[in-house]
Amino acid sequence: MPIYEYECQKCGEMTEAWQSFSDRPLVKCEKCKGKLRKLISQNSFHLKGSGWYTTDYASKASTLKSETKTSEKNKTKPAESKAAAGTENKKTPHE
């Protein structure tokens, strides 16, 4: 359930309330019975569980990138591998 912040327009008292999305906003200050104004507050949240980028895709993507880089480093160009193979199989005239 979200926490909402209210400020009394009469006495300036700040109040927090745990309310469901469907609950009506608070209207009267408990301290002075003045009118409350709902505030817009900065919030933060962390997505947990299956189906979110950080839990299901982020680690896989970084692993795939590192595997791709490693496999690309180990590959040789076809022309270089043919040339290397050709020199290994050639016999010198002295043999």
C-alpha atoms as a PDB file:
ATOM      1  CA  MET A   1       0.000   0.000   0.000  1.00  0.00           C
ATOM      2  CA  PRO A   2       1.303   3.466  -0.826  1.00  0.00           C
ATOM      3  CA  ILE A   3       2.135   6.093   1.758  1.00  0.00           C
ATOM      4  CA  TYR A   4       0.613   9.502   1.040  1.00  0.00           C
ATOM      5  CA  GLU A   5       1.753  12.801   2.520  1.00  0.00           C
ATOM      6  CA  TYR A   6      -0.586  15.609   3.498  1.00  0.00           C
ATOM      7  CA  GLU A   7       0.033  19.143   4.704  1.00  0.00           C
ATOM      8  CA  CYS A   8      -2.432  21.194   6.730  1.00  0.00           C
ATOM      9  CA  GLN A   9      -3.098  24.547   5.095  1.00  0.00           C
ATOM     10  CA  LYS A  10      -3.948  26.093   8.480  1.00  0.00           C
ATOM     11  CA  CYS A  11      -1.175  24.943  10.875  1.00  0.00           C
ATOM     12  CA  GLY A  12       1.406  23.493   8.407  1.00  0.00           C
ATOM     13  CA  GLU A  13       1.426  20.074  10.127  1.00  0.00           C
ATOM     14  CA  MET A  14       2.727  17.271   7.890  1.00  0.00           C
ATOM     15  CA  THR A  15       0.940  13.904   8.044  1.00  0.00           C
ATOM     16  CA  GLU A  16       1.625  10.543   6.401  1.00  0.00           C
ATOM     17  CA  ALA A  17      -1.111   7.981   5.754  1.00  0.00           C
ATOM     18  CA  TRP A  18      -1.022   4.403   4.428  1.00  0.00           C
ATOM     19  CA  GLN A  19      -3.891   4.277   1.982  1.00  0.00           C
ATOM     20  CA  SER A  20      -5.124   2.047  -0.778  1.00  0.00           C
ATOM     21  CA  PHE A  21      -5.483   3.512  -4.262  1.00  0.00           C
ATOM     22  CA  SER A  22      -9.258   3.346  -3.878  1.00  0.00           C
ATOM     23  CA  ASP A  23      -9.354   5.166  -0.481  1.00  0.00           C
ATOM     24  CA  ARG A  24     -10.641   8.726  -0.386  1.00  0.00           C
ATOM     25  CA  PRO A  25      -7.998  11.358   0.411  1.00  0.00           C
ATOM     26  CA  LEU A  26      -7.851  12.776   3.942  1.00  0.00           C
ATOM     27  CA  VAL A  27      -9.499  16.185   4.259  1.00  0.00           C
ATOM     28  CA  LYS A  28      -9.170  17.361   7.900  1.00  0.00           C
ATOM     29  CA  CYS A  29      -6.070  17.844  10.042  1.00  0.00           C
ATOM     30  CA  GLU A  30      -6.181  15.778  13.256  1.00  0.00           C
ATOM     31  CA  LYS A  31      -4.357  18.547  15.157  1.00  0.00           C
ATOM     32  CA  CYS A  32      -6.363  21.703  14.279  1.00  0.00           C
ATOM     33  CA  LYS A  33      -9.171  20.402  12.002  1.00  0.00           C
ATOM     34  CA  GLY A  34      -7.834  22.561   9.157  1.00  0.00           C
ATOM     35  CA  LYS A  35      -8.012  21.557   5.489  1.00  0.00           C
ATOM     36  CA  LEU A  36      -5.377  19.052   4.278  1.00  0.00           C
ATOM     37  CA  ARG A  37      -3.624  19.259   0.937  1.00  0.00           C
ATOM     38  CA  LYS A  38      -2.226  16.092  -0.640  1.00  0.00           C
ATOM     39  CA  LEU A  39       1.450  16.462  -1.528  1.00  0.00           C
ATOM     40  CA  ILE A  40       3.326  15.005  -4.447  1.00  0.00           C
ATOM     41  CA  SER A  41       6.381  13.271  -3.038  1.00  0.00           C
ATOM     42  CA  GLN A  42       9.460  11.733  -4.573  1.00  0.00           C
ATOM     43  CA  ASN A  43       9.248   7.986  -4.477  1.00  0.00           C
ATOM     44  CA  SER A  44      11.461   5.059  -5.299  1.00  0.00           C
ATOM     45  CA  PHE A  45      10.846   1.388  -5.754  1.00  0.00           C
ATOM     46  CA  HIS A  46      12.773  -1.688  -6.741  1.00  0.00           C
ATOM     47  CA  LEU A  47      11.330  -4.262  -9.101  1.00  0.00           C
ATOM     48  CA  LYS A  48      11.765  -7.790  -7.765  1.00  0.00           C
ATOM     49  CA  GLY A  49      10.739 -11.183  -9.008  1.00  0.00           C
ATOM     50  CA  SER A  50      10.447 -12.923 -12.302  1.00  0.00           C
ATOM     51  CA  GLY A  51       9.721 -10.947 -15.443  1.00  0.00           C
ATOM     52  CA  TRP A  52      11.768  -7.822 -14.796  1.00  0.00           C
ATOM     53  CA  TYR A  53      14.858  -6.731 -16.712  1.00  0.00           C
ATOM     54  CA  THR A  54      17.204  -6.720 -13.703  1.00  0.00           C
ATOM     55  CA  THR A  55      16.343 -10.270 -12.640  1.00  0.00           C
ATOM     56  CA  ASP A  56      15.824 -12.015 -15.956  1.00  0.00           C
ATOM     57  CA  TYR A  57      17.696 -10.253 -18.733  1.00  0.00           C
ATOM     58  CA  ALA A  58      20.485  -7.997 -17.458  1.00  0.00           C
ATOM     59  CA  SER A  59      22.857 -10.744 -16.301  1.00  0.00           C
ATOM     60  CA  LYS A  60      22.195 -12.866 -19.397  1.00  0.00           C
ATOM     61  CA  ALA A  61      22.940  -9.960 -21.732  1.00  0.00           C
ATOM     62  CA  SER A  62      26.274  -9.191 -20.085  1.00  0.00           C
ATOM     63  CA  THR A  63      27.221 -12.892 -20.127  1.00  0.00           C
ATOM     64  CA  LEU A  64      26.388 -13.175 -23.829  1.00  0.00           C
ATOM     65  CA  LYS A  65      28.461 -10.093 -24.635  1.00  0.00           C
ATOM     66  CA  SER A  66      31.519 -11.445 -22.835  1.00  0.00           C
ATOM     67  CA  GLU A  67      31.136 -14.877 -24.490  1.00  0.00           C
ATOM     68  CA  THR A  68      30.842 -13.260 -27.928  1.00  0.00           C
ATOM     69  CA  LYS A  69      33.955 -11.151 -27.377  1.00  0.00           C
ATOM     70  CA  THR A  70      35.933 -14.209 -26.235  1.00  0.00           C
ATOM     71  CA  SER A  71      34.859 -16.313 -29.222  1.00  0.00           C
ATOM     72  CA  GLU A  72      35.664 -13.470 -31.635  1.00  0.00           C
ATOM     73  CA  LYS A  73      39.178 -13.131 -30.200  1.00  0.00           C
ATOM     74  CA  ASN A  74      39.829 -16.867 -30.623  1.00  0.00           C
ATOM     75  CA  LYS A  75      38.737 -16.925 -34.278  1.00  0.00           C
ATOM     76  CA  THR A  76      41.368 -16.535 -36.977  1.00  0.00           C
ATOM     77  CA  LYS A  77      40.775 -15.150 -40.420  1.00  0.00           C
ATOM     78  CA  PRO A  78      40.280 -17.819 -43.137  1.00  0.00           C
ATOM     79  CA  ALA A  79      43.203 -16.528 -45.220  1.00  0.00           C
ATOM     80  CA  GLU A  80      45.533 -16.629 -42.229  1.00  0.00           C
ATOM     81  CA  SER A  81      44.503 -20.159 -41.247  1.00  0.00           C
ATOM     82  CA  LYS A  82      44.965 -21.461 -44.822  1.00  0.00           C
ATOM     83  CA  ALA A  83      48.368 -19.842 -45.086  1.00  0.00           C
ATOM     84  CA  ALA A  84      49.410 -21.272 -41.720  1.00  0.00           C
ATOM     85  CA  ALA A  85      48.140 -24.738 -42.703  1.00  0.00           C
ATOM     86  CA  GLY A  86      49.948 -24.586 -46.030  1.00  0.00           C
ATOM     87  CA  THR A  87      53.347 -23.825 -44.453  1.00  0.00           C
ATOM     88  CA  GLU A  88      53.009 -26.614 -41.900  1.00  0.00           C
ATOM     89  CA  ASN A  89      52.289 -29.280 -44.547  1.00  0.00           C
ATOM     90  CA  LYS A  90      54.992 -28.213 -47.000  1.00  0.00           C
ATOM     91  CA  LYS A  91      58.167 -30.230 -46.990  1.00  0.00           C
ATOM     92  CA  THR A  92      61.398 -28.542 -47.651  1.00  0.00           C
ATOM     93  CA  PRO A  93      63.477 -29.822 -50.558  1.00  0.00           C
ATOM     94  CA  HIS A  94      66.128 -31.047 -48.104  1.00  0.00           C
ATOM     95  CA  GLU A  95      63.823 -33.600 -46.442  1.00  0.00           C
END
